[in-house]
Amino acid sequence: MSGSAAIAGTAVGLDVHDRSTVAWALDGLIGEVVAEHLVPDTAAVVGWLERLPGPVAVAYEAGSKGFGRVAGGTLLRIFVFSTSKTA
């Protein structure tokens, strides 16, 4: 990757709703982007995240799903943000 820095691991963005979760993952080594429709179940989403090449950094909008609490002991770095505080 001449002239650019490689990202180690996988960067993930989650669009989390009560009835659906959509995830986009960028593999920093090869540049592949994967989109996945997941069931809105915390264990299923965390399981999918744990199968990605690590380290994995995840960002999602603040909500009631609590991925940070569930995934706290794994190799996942969870970033939760509030859209009301980003403007």
Protein backbone atom coordinates (compact mmCIF):
# COMPACT_ATOMS: atom_id res chain seq x y z
CA MET A 1 0.00 0.00 0.00
CA SER A 2 2.30 2.69 -1.25
CA GLY A 3 1.64 6.15 0.16
CA SER A 4 -1.03 5.07 2.64
CA ALA A 5 -1.15 3.48 6.05
CA ALA A 6 -2.73 0.06 6.44
CA ILE A 7 -5.37 -0.40 9.11
CA ALA A 8 -4.71 -3.40 11.34
CA GLY A 9 -7.76 -5.59 11.89
CA THR A 10 -11.35 -4.77 11.03
CA ALA A 11 -13.39 -1.58 11.38
CA VAL A 12 -17.16 -2.10 11.78
CA GLY A 13 -20.18 0.18 11.72
CA LEU A 14 -23.52 -1.11 13.03
CA ASP A 15 -26.96 0.25 12.19
CA VAL A 16 -28.92 -1.15 15.13
CA HIS A 17 -32.72 -1.17 15.38
CA ASP A 18 -35.23 -3.22 17.38
CA ARG A 19 -36.13 -5.43 14.41
CA SER A 20 -32.91 -5.48 12.38
CA THR A 21 -29.19 -4.86 12.51
CA VAL A 22 -27.07 -4.09 9.48
CA ALA A 23 -23.30 -4.29 9.75
CA TRP A 24 -20.55 -3.06 7.46
CA ALA A 25 -17.03 -4.36 8.04
CA LEU A 26 -13.81 -3.11 6.44
CA ASP A 27 -10.91 -5.55 6.48
CA GLY A 28 -7.97 -3.19 6.92
CA LEU A 29 -5.44 -5.63 5.47
CA ILE A 30 -7.06 -6.40 2.11
CA GLY A 31 -9.55 -3.53 1.83
CA GLU A 32 -12.59 -5.79 1.45
CA VAL A 33 -15.94 -4.41 2.62
CA VAL A 34 -18.62 -6.83 3.80
CA ALA A 35 -22.25 -5.89 4.48
CA GLU A 36 -24.33 -8.24 6.60
CA HIS A 37 -27.96 -8.26 7.73
CA LEU A 38 -28.07 -9.71 11.25
CA VAL A 39 -30.84 -10.68 13.60
CA PRO A 40 -31.29 -8.05 16.34
CA ASP A 41 -29.92 -10.35 19.02
CA THR A 42 -26.92 -9.15 21.02
CA ALA A 43 -25.30 -12.60 21.26
CA ALA A 44 -25.66 -13.18 17.50
CA VAL A 45 -24.16 -9.79 16.64
CA VAL A 46 -21.24 -10.22 19.07
CA GLY A 47 -20.69 -13.75 17.69
CA TRP A 48 -20.46 -12.35 14.14
CA LEU A 49 -18.06 -9.63 15.30
CA GLU A 50 -15.81 -12.18 17.02
CA ARG A 51 -15.42 -14.12 13.75
CA LEU A 52 -13.90 -11.10 11.97
CA PRO A 53 -10.11 -10.64 11.64
CA GLY A 54 -8.92 -8.88 14.77
CA PRO A 55 -8.46 -6.56 16.35
CA VAL A 56 -12.02 -5.39 15.72
CA ALA A 57 -13.16 -1.82 16.35
CA VAL A 58 -16.94 -1.31 16.38
CA ALA A 59 -18.96 1.91 16.28
CA TYR A 60 -22.71 2.18 16.70
CA GLU A 61 -25.27 4.74 17.75
CA ALA A 62 -26.22 4.76 21.43
CA GLY A 63 -29.20 2.56 22.12
CA SER A 64 -30.60 -0.19 24.27
CA LYS A 65 -28.64 -3.16 22.89
CA GLY A 66 -25.61 -2.90 25.19
CA PHE A 67 -22.90 -4.44 22.99
CA GLY A 68 -20.22 -2.73 25.07
CA ARG A 69 -21.38 -4.50 28.23
CA VAL A 70 -21.67 -7.93 26.58
CA ALA A 71 -18.43 -7.75 24.60
CA GLY A 72 -16.36 -6.18 27.37
CA GLY A 73 -14.13 -9.22 27.90
CA THR A 74 -13.41 -9.94 24.24
CA LEU A 75 -10.95 -8.60 21.67
CA LEU A 76 -13.54 -6.08 20.51
CA ARG A 77 -13.17 -2.33 20.99
CA ILE A 78 -16.65 -0.82 21.19
CA PHE A 79 -17.34 2.86 20.51
CA VAL A 80 -20.85 4.12 21.27
CA PHE A 81 -21.87 7.56 20.11
CA SER A 82 -24.92 9.75 20.43
CA THR A 83 -26.10 11.57 17.31
CA SER A 84 -27.49 14.36 19.48
CA LYS A 85 -23.95 15.11 20.67
CA THR A 86 -22.13 14.90 17.33
CA ALA A 87 -23.56 17.98 15.61
